[in-house]
Amino acid sequence: MATNIAPQLVKELRELTGAGMMDCKNALVEANGDKEKAKQILREKGLAKAVKRAGRTTAEGAVVSYIHPGNRIGVLLELDCETDFVAKTDEFLHLAHEISMHIAAMSPLSVGPDQIPQDILDKEKEIFKKQAEDTGKPAQFIEKIVSGRVQKFYKENCLLKQEYTRDSKKTIEDVIKETIAKVGENITVRRFTRYEIGE
């Protein structure tokens, strides 16, 4: 393992990831001086920490607004964190802006699956069941088909499960976890409202 890591390399990794100096140095040592591998190590460690933080109370935060060019779509978003200090950071405010833009573009129905109104979910399940029955598949497969389509419905309609508009390899949930790893606090989307002219 490389122990003589150039300070410039540590500095570059810190600028790329926002992680602490010692964390960057340790990751570079572990990666034998490979900056890309060190970035991955930091990301994995950060996301592991983010999972641990997920249960913490979020009583601070910000309400942000986004008006799409043309003034036909607007979004109000409440994004919460643990302290007012983090609520004022560039990372937190950037995340709020990115999520607001995503909501404007993708028009999710709810924050997560548990907030989809039961009547809408029941109606969708009914449609999925009818579609599955129309395929002529045996009854034992119908429930699996319906369950799979419900999961797809969540991915298309729940903010946290949607593919991030800037990177389809990530969900909005992944983007939030990455910011949690950077700022060291739990972050939650409390609620949002999307307005569109004529709707």
Foldseek 3Di string as FASTA:
>chain_A
DDLPADQVLLVVLCVVQVDDSVLSSVLCVVVVNDSVSSNVVLQVVLLVLLVVQQPDDWDAADWDKDAPPVRFKIKTWTKTWNDVVVNPDPLRVVLVHQLRVQCRVQVAPEQAPVPDDPVVLVVLLVVLLVVLVVVVDDPVCSVVSSVVVSVVVRQRHHQQNDQRPVGNVHGSVSSQSSSCSNVVIHMDTPTMDMGGPPD
